[in-house]
Amino acid sequence: MTRLSKDRLLIVVPVVIGVLGLVTGLVLAFVVPRVVSDDWSQDAKAASAAAEDFVVTFNTYDAAELDDYRERVDGLVTDSLQKVIETNLDEAEPTMVQSQQTSRGVSVRSIGVTELDADSATAVVVFTFTLGSEGGQPTAVGARTFVELAKDGSGWKVNDYTEIPIASADVSAPEATTPGPATTPEAPQ
């Protein structure tokens, strides 16, 4: 009888270990990545949305309605960034009002979260907008911005932003003529 029990044990133990290994493998392959990526994906989407809201709001203004602009931006940024924006806006306001500067038509072309952890995120936003002023022709502008976000409760607020310079796409011919290959004077005939 003990011989039969040992034989069964030799068969049952590897089968049980194999089944447990298979179940563990399936859980690791299908359940864990979905749970992890869903959390990351949800945070990344929320951070992207906050970055997009900031870029659109920050770049949509009319010099005649700067109080409204201040209120709209205030809800999207941290207190420390709000102070910086207020200082910059206070300095620029007289010029903006005098020229009746406007910025409208913001269109986000692309956005991506480049870094994300539990309490901070960084996104890159590529967008276009139209600048205008009294008596001036509206100018379409393309821009890229790094937006640094901080977790604020269950949402995200912009903690800082950095504009990324865009190289000029001017491919016009140079004004001065460029010398061509040296020419040899013709020999007398």
C-alpha atoms as a PDB file:
ATOM      1  CA  MET A   1       0.000   0.000   0.000  1.00  0.00           C
ATOM      2  CA  THR A   2       2.804   2.388   0.740  1.00  0.00           C
ATOM      3  CA  ARG A   3       4.281   1.653  -2.655  1.00  0.00           C
ATOM      4  CA  LEU A   4       1.034   2.653  -4.361  1.00  0.00           C
ATOM      5  CA  SER A   5       0.779   5.863  -2.329  1.00  0.00           C
ATOM      6  CA  LYS A   6       4.319   6.830  -3.253  1.00  0.00           C
ATOM      7  CA  ASP A   7       3.552   6.240  -6.939  1.00  0.00           C
ATOM      8  CA  ARG A   8       0.444   8.416  -6.746  1.00  0.00           C
ATOM      9  CA  LEU A   9       2.376  11.061  -4.863  1.00  0.00           C
ATOM     10  CA  LEU A  10       5.064  11.051  -7.564  1.00  0.00           C
ATOM     11  CA  ILE A  11       2.376  11.745 -10.158  1.00  0.00           C
ATOM     12  CA  VAL A  12       0.124  14.116  -8.196  1.00  0.00           C
ATOM     13  CA  VAL A  13       2.856  16.481  -6.925  1.00  0.00           C
ATOM     14  CA  PRO A  14       4.293  17.329 -10.375  1.00  0.00           C
ATOM     15  CA  VAL A  15       0.768  17.731 -11.799  1.00  0.00           C
ATOM     16  CA  VAL A  16      -0.240  20.100  -8.960  1.00  0.00           C
ATOM     17  CA  ILE A  17       2.988  22.085  -9.343  1.00  0.00           C
ATOM     18  CA  GLY A  18       2.442  22.262 -13.101  1.00  0.00           C
ATOM     19  CA  VAL A  19      -1.154  23.473 -12.703  1.00  0.00           C
ATOM     20  CA  LEU A  20      -0.103  26.090 -10.129  1.00  0.00           C
ATOM     21  CA  GLY A  21       2.699  27.243 -12.421  1.00  0.00           C
ATOM     22  CA  LEU A  22       0.285  27.514 -15.340  1.00  0.00           C
ATOM     23  CA  VAL A  23      -2.238  29.520 -13.303  1.00  0.00           C
ATOM     24  CA  THR A  24       0.515  31.812 -11.977  1.00  0.00           C
ATOM     25  CA  GLY A  25       1.840  32.323 -15.508  1.00  0.00           C
ATOM     26  CA  LEU A  26      -1.605  33.197 -16.836  1.00  0.00           C
ATOM     27  CA  VAL A  27      -2.216  35.671 -14.007  1.00  0.00           C
ATOM     28  CA  LEU A  28       1.167  37.315 -14.576  1.00  0.00           C
ATOM     29  CA  ALA A  29       0.651  37.420 -18.333  1.00  0.00           C
ATOM     30  CA  PHE A  30      -2.898  38.713 -18.496  1.00  0.00           C
ATOM     31  CA  VAL A  31      -4.067  40.224 -15.210  1.00  0.00           C
ATOM     32  CA  VAL A  32      -1.046  42.069 -13.781  1.00  0.00           C
ATOM     33  CA  PRO A  33      -0.133  44.036 -16.949  1.00  0.00           C
ATOM     34  CA  ARG A  34      -3.731  45.120 -17.378  1.00  0.00           C
ATOM     35  CA  VAL A  35      -3.981  46.378 -13.789  1.00  0.00           C
ATOM     36  CA  VAL A  36      -0.595  48.146 -13.899  1.00  0.00           C
ATOM     37  CA  SER A  37      -1.104  49.675 -17.340  1.00  0.00           C
ATOM     38  CA  ASP A  38      -4.637  50.808 -16.511  1.00  0.00           C
ATOM     39  CA  ASP A  39      -3.401  52.790 -13.506  1.00  0.00           C
ATOM     40  CA  TRP A  40      -0.518  54.284 -15.482  1.00  0.00           C
ATOM     41  CA  SER A  41      -2.775  54.897 -18.452  1.00  0.00           C
ATOM     42  CA  GLN A  42      -5.427  56.633 -16.345  1.00  0.00           C
ATOM     43  CA  ASP A  43      -2.839  58.873 -14.666  1.00  0.00           C
ATOM     44  CA  ALA A  44      -1.178  59.606 -18.014  1.00  0.00           C
ATOM     45  CA  LYS A  45      -4.526  60.516 -19.579  1.00  0.00           C
ATOM     46  CA  ALA A  46      -5.411  62.770 -16.652  1.00  0.00           C
ATOM     47  CA  ALA A  47      -1.979  64.455 -16.789  1.00  0.00           C
ATOM     48  CA  SER A  48      -2.307  64.889 -20.575  1.00  0.00           C
ATOM     49  CA  ALA A  49      -5.733  66.459 -20.170  1.00  0.00           C
ATOM     50  CA  ALA A  50      -4.435  68.868 -17.504  1.00  0.00           C
ATOM     51  CA  ALA A  51      -1.453  69.838 -19.690  1.00  0.00           C
ATOM     52  CA  GLU A  52      -3.729  70.392 -22.684  1.00  0.00           C
ATOM     53  CA  ASP A  53      -6.188  72.490 -20.652  1.00  0.00           C
ATOM     54  CA  PHE A  54      -3.309  74.631 -19.419  1.00  0.00           C
ATOM     55  CA  VAL A  55      -1.779  75.194 -22.879  1.00  0.00           C
ATOM     56  CA  VAL A  56      -5.137  76.087 -24.431  1.00  0.00           C
ATOM     57  CA  THR A  57      -6.131  78.395 -21.547  1.00  0.00           C
ATOM     58  CA  PHE A  58      -2.703  79.985 -21.123  1.00  0.00           C
ATOM     59  CA  ASN A  59      -2.488  80.821 -24.835  1.00  0.00           C
ATOM     60  CA  THR A  60      -6.078  82.096 -25.250  1.00  0.00           C
ATOM     61  CA  TYR A  61      -6.486  85.686 -24.102  1.00  0.00           C
ATOM     62  CA  ASP A  62      -7.640  89.163 -25.037  1.00  0.00           C
ATOM     63  CA  ALA A  63      -5.845  92.150 -23.518  1.00  0.00           C
ATOM     64  CA  ALA A  64      -9.225  93.764 -22.872  1.00  0.00           C
ATOM     65  CA  GLU A  65     -10.259  90.816 -20.631  1.00  0.00           C
ATOM     66  CA  LEU A  66      -7.157  90.043 -18.572  1.00  0.00           C
ATOM     67  CA  ASP A  67      -9.086  89.653 -15.298  1.00  0.00           C
ATOM     68  CA  ASP A  68     -11.037  86.764 -16.824  1.00  0.00           C
ATOM     69  CA  TYR A  69      -7.759  85.326 -18.132  1.00  0.00           C
ATOM     70  CA  ARG A  70      -6.202  85.446 -14.665  1.00  0.00           C
ATOM     71  CA  GLU A  71      -9.150  83.556 -13.163  1.00  0.00           C
ATOM     72  CA  ARG A  72      -9.100  80.866 -15.856  1.00  0.00           C
ATOM     73  CA  VAL A  73      -5.360  80.248 -15.488  1.00  0.00           C
ATOM     74  CA  ASP A  74      -5.476  80.355 -11.666  1.00  0.00           C
ATOM     75  CA  GLY A  75      -7.527  77.149 -11.434  1.00  0.00           C
ATOM     76  CA  LEU A  76      -5.036  75.165 -13.507  1.00  0.00           C
ATOM     77  CA  VAL A  77      -1.723  75.977 -11.812  1.00  0.00           C
ATOM     78  CA  THR A  78      -0.038  75.603  -8.431  1.00  0.00           C
ATOM     79  CA  ASP A  79       0.200  78.610  -6.127  1.00  0.00           C
ATOM     80  CA  SER A  80       3.906  79.083  -6.826  1.00  0.00           C
ATOM     81  CA  LEU A  81       3.399  79.156 -10.601  1.00  0.00           C
ATOM     82  CA  GLN A  82       0.408  81.464 -10.211  1.00  0.00           C
ATOM     83  CA  LYS A  83       2.650  84.021  -8.477  1.00  0.00           C
ATOM     84  CA  VAL A  84       5.154  83.884 -11.351  1.00  0.00           C
ATOM     85  CA  ILE A  85       2.404  84.253 -13.961  1.00  0.00           C
ATOM     86  CA  GLU A  86       0.879  87.192 -12.059  1.00  0.00           C
ATOM     87  CA  THR A  87       4.254  88.954 -11.860  1.00  0.00           C
ATOM     88  CA  ASN A  88       4.921  88.452 -15.580  1.00  0.00           C
ATOM     89  CA  LEU A  89       1.411  89.507 -16.518  1.00  0.00           C
ATOM     90  CA  ASP A  90       1.611  92.647 -14.358  1.00  0.00           C
ATOM     91  CA  GLU A  91       4.797  93.642 -16.197  1.00  0.00           C
ATOM     92  CA  ALA A  92       3.407  92.885 -19.668  1.00  0.00           C
ATOM     93  CA  GLU A  93      -0.129  94.196 -19.175  1.00  0.00           C
ATOM     94  CA  PRO A  94       0.461  97.860 -20.189  1.00  0.00           C
ATOM     95  CA  THR A  95       2.010  96.808 -23.508  1.00  0.00           C
ATOM     96  CA  MET A  96      -0.655  94.162 -24.136  1.00  0.00           C
ATOM     97  CA  VAL A  97      -3.490  96.613 -23.456  1.00  0.00           C
ATOM     98  CA  GLN A  98      -1.923  99.363 -25.546  1.00  0.00           C
ATOM     99  CA  SER A  99      -1.469  97.093 -28.582  1.00  0.00           C
ATOM    100  CA  GLN A 100      -4.769  95.273 -27.917  1.00  0.00           C
ATOM    101  CA  GLN A 101      -2.939  91.958 -28.127  1.00  0.00           C
ATOM    102  CA  THR A 102      -4.950  88.758 -28.532  1.00  0.00           C
ATOM    103  CA  SER A 103      -4.122  85.081 -28.757  1.00  0.00           C
ATOM    104  CA  ARG A 104      -6.782  82.727 -30.079  1.00  0.00           C
ATOM    105  CA  GLY A 105      -7.435  79.552 -31.984  1.00  0.00           C
ATOM    106  CA  VAL A 106      -5.190  77.261 -29.957  1.00  0.00           C
ATOM    107  CA  SER A 107      -5.055  73.833 -31.520  1.00  0.00           C
ATOM    108  CA  VAL A 108      -3.148  71.047 -29.800  1.00  0.00           C
ATOM    109  CA  ARG A 109      -1.458  68.953 -32.488  1.00  0.00           C
ATOM    110  CA  SER A 110       0.214  66.367 -30.269  1.00  0.00           C
ATOM    111  CA  ILE A 111       0.679  65.628 -26.603  1.00  0.00           C
ATOM    112  CA  GLY A 112       2.607  62.971 -24.763  1.00  0.00           C
ATOM    113  CA  VAL A 113       3.504  62.208 -21.180  1.00  0.00           C
ATOM    114  CA  THR A 114       7.251  61.642 -20.984  1.00  0.00           C
ATOM    115  CA  GLU A 115       7.578  61.040 -17.235  1.00  0.00           C
ATOM    116  CA  LEU A 116       5.048  59.912 -14.674  1.00  0.00           C
ATOM    117  CA  ASP A 117       5.198  58.879 -11.040  1.00  0.00           C
ATOM    118  CA  ALA A 118       2.805  58.956  -8.101  1.00  0.00           C
ATOM    119  CA  ASP A 119       2.899  62.728  -7.571  1.00  0.00           C
ATOM    120  CA  SER A 120       4.410  64.330 -10.682  1.00  0.00           C
ATOM    121  CA  ALA A 121       4.334  64.147 -14.453  1.00  0.00           C
ATOM    122  CA  THR A 122       5.955  65.842 -17.431  1.00  0.00           C
ATOM    123  CA  ALA A 123       4.202  66.262 -20.769  1.00  0.00           C
ATOM    124  CA  VAL A 124       5.293  67.687 -24.108  1.00  0.00           C
ATOM    125  CA  VAL A 125       2.597  69.634 -25.952  1.00  0.00           C
ATOM    126  CA  VAL A 126       2.863  70.682 -29.607  1.00  0.00           C
ATOM    127  CA  PHE A 127       0.302  73.298 -30.620  1.00  0.00           C
ATOM    128  CA  THR A 128      -0.544  76.238 -32.875  1.00  0.00           C
ATOM    129  CA  PHE A 129      -2.301  79.521 -32.143  1.00  0.00           C
ATOM    130  CA  THR A 130      -2.964  82.894 -33.737  1.00  0.00           C
ATOM    131  CA  LEU A 131      -1.522  86.132 -32.354  1.00  0.00           C
ATOM    132  CA  GLY A 132      -3.134  89.430 -33.182  1.00  0.00           C
ATOM    133  CA  SER A 133      -2.931  93.111 -32.280  1.00  0.00           C
ATOM    134  CA  GLU A 134      -4.618  96.349 -33.188  1.00  0.00           C
ATOM    135  CA  GLY A 135      -4.037  97.144 -36.829  1.00  0.00           C
ATOM    136  CA  GLY A 136      -1.768  94.152 -37.297  1.00  0.00           C
ATOM    137  CA  GLN A 137      -2.188  91.077 -39.430  1.00  0.00           C
ATOM    138  CA  PRO A 138      -2.967  87.933 -37.390  1.00  0.00           C
ATOM    139  CA  THR A 139       0.034  85.621 -37.277  1.00  0.00           C
ATOM    140  CA  ALA A 140      -0.138  81.853 -36.991  1.00  0.00           C
ATOM    141  CA  VAL A 141       2.413  80.549 -34.518  1.00  0.00           C
ATOM    142  CA  GLY A 142       3.602  77.016 -33.853  1.00  0.00           C
ATOM    143  CA  ALA A 143       4.908  76.145 -30.411  1.00  0.00           C
ATOM    144  CA  ARG A 144       6.131  73.306 -28.205  1.00  0.00           C
ATOM    145  CA  THR A 145       6.083  73.333 -24.426  1.00  0.00           C
ATOM    146  CA  PHE A 146       7.246  71.064 -21.632  1.00  0.00           C
ATOM    147  CA  VAL A 147       4.572  71.100 -18.934  1.00  0.00           C
ATOM    148  CA  GLU A 148       5.519  69.892 -15.456  1.00  0.00           C
ATOM    149  CA  LEU A 149       2.558  68.784 -13.366  1.00  0.00           C
ATOM    150  CA  ALA A 150       2.076  68.051  -9.680  1.00  0.00           C
ATOM    151  CA  LYS A 151      -0.626  65.835  -8.196  1.00  0.00           C
ATOM    152  CA  ASP A 152      -3.224  67.947  -6.391  1.00  0.00           C
ATOM    153  CA  GLY A 153      -5.655  65.707  -4.577  1.00  0.00           C
ATOM    154  CA  SER A 154      -7.150  63.494  -7.238  1.00  0.00           C
ATOM    155  CA  GLY A 155      -6.190  65.788 -10.125  1.00  0.00           C
ATOM    156  CA  TRP A 156      -3.172  67.499 -11.670  1.00  0.00           C
ATOM    157  CA  LYS A 157      -2.024  71.131 -11.587  1.00  0.00           C
ATOM    158  CA  VAL A 158       0.716  72.714 -13.641  1.00  0.00           C
ATOM    159  CA  ASN A 159       3.793  73.383 -11.536  1.00  0.00           C
ATOM    160  CA  ASP A 160       6.028  74.817 -14.276  1.00  0.00           C
ATOM    161  CA  TYR A 161       6.323  75.068 -18.027  1.00  0.00           C
ATOM    162  CA  THR A 162       9.183  75.601 -20.440  1.00  0.00           C
ATOM    163  CA  GLU A 163       8.772  76.751 -24.009  1.00  0.00           C
ATOM    164  CA  ILE A 164      10.886  74.780 -26.457  1.00  0.00           C
ATOM    165  CA  PRO A 165      12.362  76.974 -29.206  1.00  0.00           C
ATOM    166  CA  ILE A 166      11.375  76.004 -32.709  1.00  0.00           C
ATOM    167  CA  ALA A 167      13.996  76.482 -35.398  1.00  0.00           C
ATOM    168  CA  SER A 168      12.971  78.745 -38.228  1.00  0.00           C
ATOM    169  CA  ALA A 169      11.800  76.970 -41.318  1.00  0.00           C
ATOM    170  CA  ASP A 170      12.944  79.820 -43.577  1.00  0.00           C
ATOM    171  CA  VAL A 171      14.455  78.262 -46.658  1.00  0.00           C
ATOM    172  CA  SER A 172      14.609  81.361 -48.838  1.00  0.00           C
ATOM    173  CA  ALA A 173      17.654  81.961 -51.006  1.00  0.00           C
ATOM    174  CA  PRO A 174      20.489  83.883 -49.409  1.00  0.00           C
ATOM    175  CA  GLU A 175      20.620  87.571 -50.250  1.00  0.00           C
ATOM    176  CA  ALA A 176      24.254  87.610 -51.313  1.00  0.00           C
ATOM    177  CA  THR A 177      25.310  85.576 -54.295  1.00  0.00           C
ATOM    178  CA  THR A 178      27.439  82.611 -53.579  1.00  0.00           C
ATOM    179  CA  PRO A 179      30.464  82.340 -55.802  1.00  0.00           C
ATOM    180  CA  GLY A 180      30.332  79.459 -58.232  1.00  0.00           C
ATOM    181  CA  PRO A 181      33.189  77.327 -59.461  1.00  0.00           C
ATOM    182  CA  ALA A 182      36.198  79.259 -60.671  1.00  0.00           C
ATOM    183  CA  THR A 183      36.171  79.880 -64.375  1.00  0.00           C
ATOM    184  CA  THR A 184      39.216  79.703 -66.555  1.00  0.00           C
ATOM    185  CA  PRO A 185      39.695  82.521 -69.031  1.00  0.00           C
ATOM    186  CA  GLU A 186      39.394  81.318 -72.575  1.00  0.00           C
ATOM    187  CA  ALA A 187      42.597  80.802 -74.407  1.00  0.00           C
ATOM    188  CA  PRO A 188      43.178  83.119 -77.401  1.00  0.00           C
ATOM    189  CA  GLN A 189      42.279  81.525 -80.679  1.00  0.00           C
END
